[in-house]
Structure formats: C-alpha cells, structure tokens
Amino acid sequence: MSENAPSMGSMSGRTAVPVPLDEIDRQILRRLLDDGRMSVRALAEQVHISRANAYTRIGRLMSEEVVTGFTARLNPQRAGLGTSAYVTVTIEQNAWRNISKALREIPYVEHIALVGGDFDVLVLVRTPDNAALRQVVLESIQAVPGVRSTRTWLVFDEVRGPGADWAD
C-alpha cells in the first residue's frame, strides 16, 4: 500500500510514523497487553518506576497513538464461537475500499487485513460451527461485488493470543 493510501479502517488515515520506544515503554506495553485493567500503581511496581512516571508514559503512549484503546479479549470457545478460520480473498483491482466496507458488515468477521502476495485480503472469521462458517464464506464473503475468489484455512488450535511476545 502506498504511503498516503488510507488504511482499511483501523487507523485514522494518517501516515503512521514510528514512535521511539525505550525498554520501559516496551515493558509497559507488554503488561498492558496481558492485563489492560491493571492499575497504574501495579504497573509502576512491576516495571520499577514511580506512579507519576507510569501515568506520564501511558499518557504519552496514548497521545502518540501507540496505545489506541483498551478492549476485552474473549475466549472464542466460551463465547460460543468454536470454529475459526482465516479466509484469503482475491479481489478485483481498485475494489478494496468497497470490499473492506462490505466485509466489516458481515457478522462473525473479526479482523480484516489488506495484504500483498498471492491474495489481497486476509479475513479472520469466528463462528459457532462449520455450518455458520460455510454461510459466511459462501453466501456472504463470496457475494461481495469485486471478490474474485476465496480460500478457507480452518484453525485447529490457537497457541498465542494478541500481543504475545511482540515486544521482545
């Protein structure tokens, strides 16, 4: 994607400039990824800095959009979404804006990424069962105008959750 191209919806459309992070910042981010509800006091104690320093660093990370929010992570099986698959999608050139919008409206679509390589879009789908997965892929994703083909990769097991060890 070109430097000025808008993203698929997760960023504000501005060019993302990397923010310099030191080891303390990385420790803070690791701990927040593990437990976004952690108190600033507990966070400061774990990374061996003062509470004031922790507040300042978290504020900076948020104002510089390194941290863009705090969310809950679900256990898909416990939430009734026991079937997961990655769906690779090949699209018509220049159709990605409309396809991105349409994919975001499909129930059970958890994540959408515009990628380069043998296909154009990677979609994470979590459904209650194989019948629902079939419906999402064959009746929803493949029905989006501009979608040329799909390929579905069933997930048997997930070893890591979001953010695991990325900052090491």
C-alpha atoms as a PDB file:
ATOM      1  CA  MET A   1       0.000   0.000   0.000  1.00  0.00           C
ATOM      2  CA  SER A   2       1.346   3.443  -0.787  1.00  0.00           C
ATOM      3  CA  GLU A   3       2.431   5.774   1.984  1.00  0.00           C
ATOM      4  CA  ASN A   4      -0.580   8.062   1.503  1.00  0.00           C
ATOM      5  CA  ALA A   5      -3.209   5.369   0.992  1.00  0.00           C
ATOM      6  CA  PRO A   6      -5.899   5.264   3.649  1.00  0.00           C
ATOM      7  CA  SER A   7      -5.984   2.175   5.791  1.00  0.00           C
ATOM      8  CA  MET A   8      -8.755  -0.415   5.842  1.00  0.00           C
ATOM      9  CA  GLY A   9     -10.418   1.382   8.727  1.00  0.00           C
ATOM     10  CA  SER A  10      -8.375   0.800  11.853  1.00  0.00           C
ATOM     11  CA  MET A  11      -6.126   3.866  11.625  1.00  0.00           C
ATOM     12  CA  SER A  12      -7.110   7.464  11.127  1.00  0.00           C
ATOM     13  CA  GLY A  13      -5.830   7.561   7.521  1.00  0.00           C
ATOM     14  CA  ARG A  14      -2.687   9.481   8.502  1.00  0.00           C
ATOM     15  CA  THR A  15       0.706   8.062   7.726  1.00  0.00           C
ATOM     16  CA  ALA A  16       1.850   6.148  10.799  1.00  0.00           C
ATOM     17  CA  VAL A  17       5.246   7.401  11.939  1.00  0.00           C
ATOM     18  CA  PRO A  18       7.003   5.032  14.361  1.00  0.00           C
ATOM     19  CA  VAL A  19       7.377   6.382  17.869  1.00  0.00           C
ATOM     20  CA  PRO A  20      10.714   5.726  19.602  1.00  0.00           C
ATOM     21  CA  LEU A  21      10.115   3.294  22.477  1.00  0.00           C
ATOM     22  CA  ASP A  22      12.600   2.525  25.213  1.00  0.00           C
ATOM     23  CA  GLU A  23      12.731  -0.648  27.289  1.00  0.00           C
ATOM     24  CA  ILE A  24      10.424   0.790  29.977  1.00  0.00           C
ATOM     25  CA  ASP A  25       7.828   1.643  27.301  1.00  0.00           C
ATOM     26  CA  ARG A  26       8.066  -1.927  25.961  1.00  0.00           C
ATOM     27  CA  GLN A  27       7.612  -3.371  29.455  1.00  0.00           C
ATOM     28  CA  ILE A  28       4.560  -1.157  29.992  1.00  0.00           C
ATOM     29  CA  LEU A  29       3.065  -2.255  26.665  1.00  0.00           C
ATOM     30  CA  ARG A  30       3.684  -5.958  27.402  1.00  0.00           C
ATOM     31  CA  ARG A  31       1.945  -5.677  30.753  1.00  0.00           C
ATOM     32  CA  LEU A  32      -0.976  -3.692  29.353  1.00  0.00           C
ATOM     33  CA  LEU A  33      -1.423  -6.307  26.625  1.00  0.00           C
ATOM     34  CA  ASP A  34      -1.509  -9.003  29.305  1.00  0.00           C
ATOM     35  CA  ASP A  35      -3.923  -7.050  31.516  1.00  0.00           C
ATOM     36  CA  GLY A  36      -5.351  -3.780  30.237  1.00  0.00           C
ATOM     37  CA  ARG A  37      -7.247  -3.335  33.512  1.00  0.00           C
ATOM     38  CA  MET A  38      -4.079  -3.300  35.600  1.00  0.00           C
ATOM     39  CA  SER A  39      -3.905  -0.328  37.947  1.00  0.00           C
ATOM     40  CA  VAL A  40      -1.235   2.285  37.317  1.00  0.00           C
ATOM     41  CA  ARG A  41       0.125   1.542  40.774  1.00  0.00           C
ATOM     42  CA  ALA A  42       0.565  -2.168  39.996  1.00  0.00           C
ATOM     43  CA  LEU A  43       2.022  -1.343  36.579  1.00  0.00           C
ATOM     44  CA  ALA A  44       4.534   1.082  38.115  1.00  0.00           C
ATOM     45  CA  GLU A  45       5.583  -1.509  40.695  1.00  0.00           C
ATOM     46  CA  GLN A  46       6.066  -4.215  38.044  1.00  0.00           C
ATOM     47  CA  VAL A  47       8.255  -2.054  35.805  1.00  0.00           C
ATOM     48  CA  HIS A  48      10.051  -0.404  38.751  1.00  0.00           C
ATOM     49  CA  ILE A  49       9.094   3.209  38.082  1.00  0.00           C
ATOM     50  CA  SER A  50       7.096   5.799  40.026  1.00  0.00           C
ATOM     51  CA  ARG A  51       3.334   6.109  39.586  1.00  0.00           C
ATOM     52  CA  ALA A  52       3.827   9.630  38.201  1.00  0.00           C
ATOM     53  CA  ASN A  53       6.272   8.276  35.607  1.00  0.00           C
ATOM     54  CA  ALA A  54       3.823   5.474  34.708  1.00  0.00           C
ATOM     55  CA  TYR A  55       0.955   7.979  34.260  1.00  0.00           C
ATOM     56  CA  THR A  56       3.167  10.203  32.113  1.00  0.00           C
ATOM     57  CA  ARG A  57       4.348   7.326  29.930  1.00  0.00           C
ATOM     58  CA  ILE A  58       0.842   5.893  29.454  1.00  0.00           C
ATOM     59  CA  GLY A  59      -0.430   9.373  28.568  1.00  0.00           C
ATOM     60  CA  ARG A  60       2.369   9.814  26.018  1.00  0.00           C
ATOM     61  CA  LEU A  61       1.759   6.367  24.510  1.00  0.00           C
ATOM     62  CA  MET A  62      -1.926   7.225  24.155  1.00  0.00           C
ATOM     63  CA  SER A  63      -1.404  10.755  22.787  1.00  0.00           C
ATOM     64  CA  GLU A  64       1.089   9.410  20.232  1.00  0.00           C
ATOM     65  CA  GLU A  65      -1.440   6.670  19.289  1.00  0.00           C
ATOM     66  CA  VAL A  66       0.857   3.805  20.231  1.00  0.00           C
ATOM     67  CA  VAL A  67      -1.968   2.730  22.561  1.00  0.00           C
ATOM     68  CA  THR A  68      -5.286   3.375  20.828  1.00  0.00           C
ATOM     69  CA  GLY A  69      -7.641   1.948  23.423  1.00  0.00           C
ATOM     70  CA  PHE A  70      -8.344  -0.834  25.854  1.00  0.00           C
ATOM     71  CA  THR A  71     -10.520  -3.796  24.980  1.00  0.00           C
ATOM     72  CA  ALA A  72     -11.564  -7.151  26.363  1.00  0.00           C
ATOM     73  CA  ARG A  73     -10.175 -10.347  24.856  1.00  0.00           C
ATOM     74  CA  LEU A  74     -12.708 -13.107  24.518  1.00  0.00           C
ATOM     75  CA  ASN A  75     -12.225 -16.823  24.767  1.00  0.00           C
ATOM     76  CA  PRO A  76     -13.916 -17.774  21.463  1.00  0.00           C
ATOM     77  CA  GLN A  77     -14.954 -21.254  22.628  1.00  0.00           C
ATOM     78  CA  ARG A  78     -16.509 -19.949  25.850  1.00  0.00           C
ATOM     79  CA  ALA A  79     -18.284 -17.227  23.849  1.00  0.00           C
ATOM     80  CA  GLY A  80     -19.868 -19.857  21.570  1.00  0.00           C
ATOM     81  CA  LEU A  81     -17.504 -19.231  18.646  1.00  0.00           C
ATOM     82  CA  GLY A  82     -15.772 -22.594  18.478  1.00  0.00           C
ATOM     83  CA  THR A  83     -14.983 -22.560  14.749  1.00  0.00           C
ATOM     84  CA  SER A  84     -12.290 -20.187  13.499  1.00  0.00           C
ATOM     85  CA  ALA A  85     -10.864 -19.798  10.015  1.00  0.00           C
ATOM     86  CA  TYR A  86      -8.672 -17.487   8.033  1.00  0.00           C
ATOM     87  CA  VAL A  87     -10.185 -16.700   4.662  1.00  0.00           C
ATOM     88  CA  THR A  88      -7.894 -15.437   1.935  1.00  0.00           C
ATOM     89  CA  VAL A  89      -9.663 -13.277  -0.625  1.00  0.00           C
ATOM     90  CA  THR A  90      -8.554 -12.331  -4.122  1.00  0.00           C
ATOM     91  CA  ILE A  91     -10.252  -9.173  -5.343  1.00  0.00           C
ATOM     92  CA  GLU A  92     -10.593  -7.067  -8.465  1.00  0.00           C
ATOM     93  CA  GLN A  93      -8.053  -4.273  -8.614  1.00  0.00           C
ATOM     94  CA  ASN A  94      -9.158  -0.995  -7.017  1.00  0.00           C
ATOM     95  CA  ALA A  95     -12.166  -2.660  -5.336  1.00  0.00           C
ATOM     96  CA  TRP A  96     -10.664  -2.896  -1.850  1.00  0.00           C
ATOM     97  CA  ARG A  97     -12.424   0.177  -0.375  1.00  0.00           C
ATOM     98  CA  ASN A  98     -15.884  -1.193  -1.172  1.00  0.00           C
ATOM     99  CA  ILE A  99     -14.877  -4.717  -0.208  1.00  0.00           C
ATOM    100  CA  SER A 100     -13.442  -3.525   3.101  1.00  0.00           C
ATOM    101  CA  LYS A 101     -16.702  -1.761   3.927  1.00  0.00           C
ATOM    102  CA  ALA A 102     -18.794  -4.795   2.953  1.00  0.00           C
ATOM    103  CA  LEU A 103     -16.610  -7.236   4.937  1.00  0.00           C
ATOM    104  CA  ARG A 104     -16.912  -5.089   8.089  1.00  0.00           C
ATOM    105  CA  GLU A 105     -20.685  -5.505   7.910  1.00  0.00           C
ATOM    106  CA  ILE A 106     -20.617  -9.324   7.799  1.00  0.00           C
ATOM    107  CA  PRO A 107     -21.388 -10.994  11.137  1.00  0.00           C
ATOM    108  CA  TYR A 108     -18.586 -13.146  12.590  1.00  0.00           C
ATOM    109  CA  VAL A 109     -15.813 -11.283  10.720  1.00  0.00           C
ATOM    110  CA  GLU A 110     -13.301 -10.412  13.443  1.00  0.00           C
ATOM    111  CA  HIS A 111     -10.321  -8.995  11.557  1.00  0.00           C
ATOM    112  CA  ILE A 112      -9.631  -7.753   8.015  1.00  0.00           C
ATOM    113  CA  ALA A 113      -6.159  -7.096   6.599  1.00  0.00           C
ATOM    114  CA  LEU A 114      -5.175  -5.812   3.175  1.00  0.00           C
ATOM    115  CA  VAL A 115      -2.037  -7.764   2.283  1.00  0.00           C
ATOM    116  CA  GLY A 116       0.420  -8.279  -0.521  1.00  0.00           C
ATOM    117  CA  GLY A 117       1.214 -11.651  -2.014  1.00  0.00           C
ATOM    118  CA  ASP A 118      -0.782 -14.447  -3.609  1.00  0.00           C
ATOM    119  CA  PHE A 119      -4.074 -12.951  -2.389  1.00  0.00           C
ATOM    120  CA  ASP A 120      -5.264  -9.476  -1.463  1.00  0.00           C
ATOM    121  CA  VAL A 121      -7.239  -9.648   1.777  1.00  0.00           C
ATOM    122  CA  LEU A 122      -6.927 -11.868   4.861  1.00  0.00           C
ATOM    123  CA  VAL A 123     -10.060 -12.229   6.976  1.00  0.00           C
ATOM    124  CA  LEU A 124     -10.351 -13.873  10.402  1.00  0.00           C
ATOM    125  CA  VAL A 125     -13.794 -15.384  10.861  1.00  0.00           C
ATOM    126  CA  ARG A 126     -15.109 -16.906  14.130  1.00  0.00           C
ATOM    127  CA  THR A 127     -18.430 -18.731  14.029  1.00  0.00           C
ATOM    128  CA  PRO A 128     -20.430 -21.076  16.267  1.00  0.00           C
ATOM    129  CA  ASP A 129     -19.938 -24.044  13.930  1.00  0.00           C
ATOM    130  CA  ASN A 130     -18.982 -25.209  10.427  1.00  0.00           C
ATOM    131  CA  ALA A 131     -22.468 -24.539   9.033  1.00  0.00           C
ATOM    132  CA  ALA A 132     -22.223 -20.870  10.048  1.00  0.00           C
ATOM    133  CA  LEU A 133     -18.683 -20.685   8.636  1.00  0.00           C
ATOM    134  CA  ARG A 134     -19.947 -22.105   5.347  1.00  0.00           C
ATOM    135  CA  GLN A 135     -22.671 -19.465   5.226  1.00  0.00           C
ATOM    136  CA  VAL A 136     -20.254 -16.607   5.959  1.00  0.00           C
ATOM    137  CA  VAL A 137     -17.772 -17.709   3.284  1.00  0.00           C
ATOM    138  CA  LEU A 138     -20.055 -18.961   0.523  1.00  0.00           C
ATOM    139  CA  GLU A 139     -23.079 -16.714   0.969  1.00  0.00           C
ATOM    140  CA  SER A 140     -21.613 -13.514   2.397  1.00  0.00           C
ATOM    141  CA  ILE A 141     -17.936 -13.044   1.502  1.00  0.00           C
ATOM    142  CA  GLN A 142     -18.168 -14.564  -1.982  1.00  0.00           C
ATOM    143  CA  ALA A 143     -21.284 -12.478  -2.686  1.00  0.00           C
ATOM    144  CA  VAL A 144     -19.425  -9.178  -2.189  1.00  0.00           C
ATOM    145  CA  PRO A 145     -19.040  -7.415  -5.561  1.00  0.00           C
ATOM    146  CA  GLY A 146     -15.373  -7.400  -6.584  1.00  0.00           C
ATOM    147  CA  VAL A 147     -14.455 -10.649  -4.797  1.00  0.00           C
ATOM    148  CA  ARG A 148     -12.897 -12.991  -7.362  1.00  0.00           C
ATOM    149  CA  SER A 149     -12.076 -15.994  -5.179  1.00  0.00           C
ATOM    150  CA  THR A 150     -11.625 -17.183  -1.611  1.00  0.00           C
ATOM    151  CA  ARG A 151      -9.692 -19.895   0.129  1.00  0.00           C
ATOM    152  CA  THR A 152     -10.504 -21.003   3.664  1.00  0.00           C
ATOM    153  CA  TRP A 153      -7.944 -22.135   6.231  1.00  0.00           C
ATOM    154  CA  LEU A 154      -9.582 -23.832   9.223  1.00  0.00           C
ATOM    155  CA  VAL A 155      -7.894 -23.138  12.569  1.00  0.00           C
ATOM    156  CA  PHE A 156      -7.468 -26.313  14.648  1.00  0.00           C
ATOM    157  CA  ASP A 157      -5.800 -24.704  17.655  1.00  0.00           C
ATOM    158  CA  GLU A 158      -4.526 -21.273  18.677  1.00  0.00           C
ATOM    159  CA  VAL A 159      -1.279 -21.197  20.583  1.00  0.00           C
ATOM    160  CA  ARG A 160      -0.940 -17.459  21.216  1.00  0.00           C
ATOM    161  CA  GLY A 161      -3.267 -14.590  21.857  1.00  0.00           C
ATOM    162  CA  PRO A 162      -2.994 -10.978  20.727  1.00  0.00           C
ATOM    163  CA  GLY A 163       0.242  -9.217  21.590  1.00  0.00           C
ATOM    164  CA  ALA A 164       2.137 -12.253  22.847  1.00  0.00           C
ATOM    165  CA  ASP A 165       5.870 -11.586  22.947  1.00  0.00           C
ATOM    166  CA  TRP A 166       5.804  -8.968  20.176  1.00  0.00           C
ATOM    167  CA  ALA A 167       7.891  -6.523  22.168  1.00  0.00           C
ATOM    168  CA  ASP A 168      10.742  -8.916  22.937  1.00  0.00           C
END
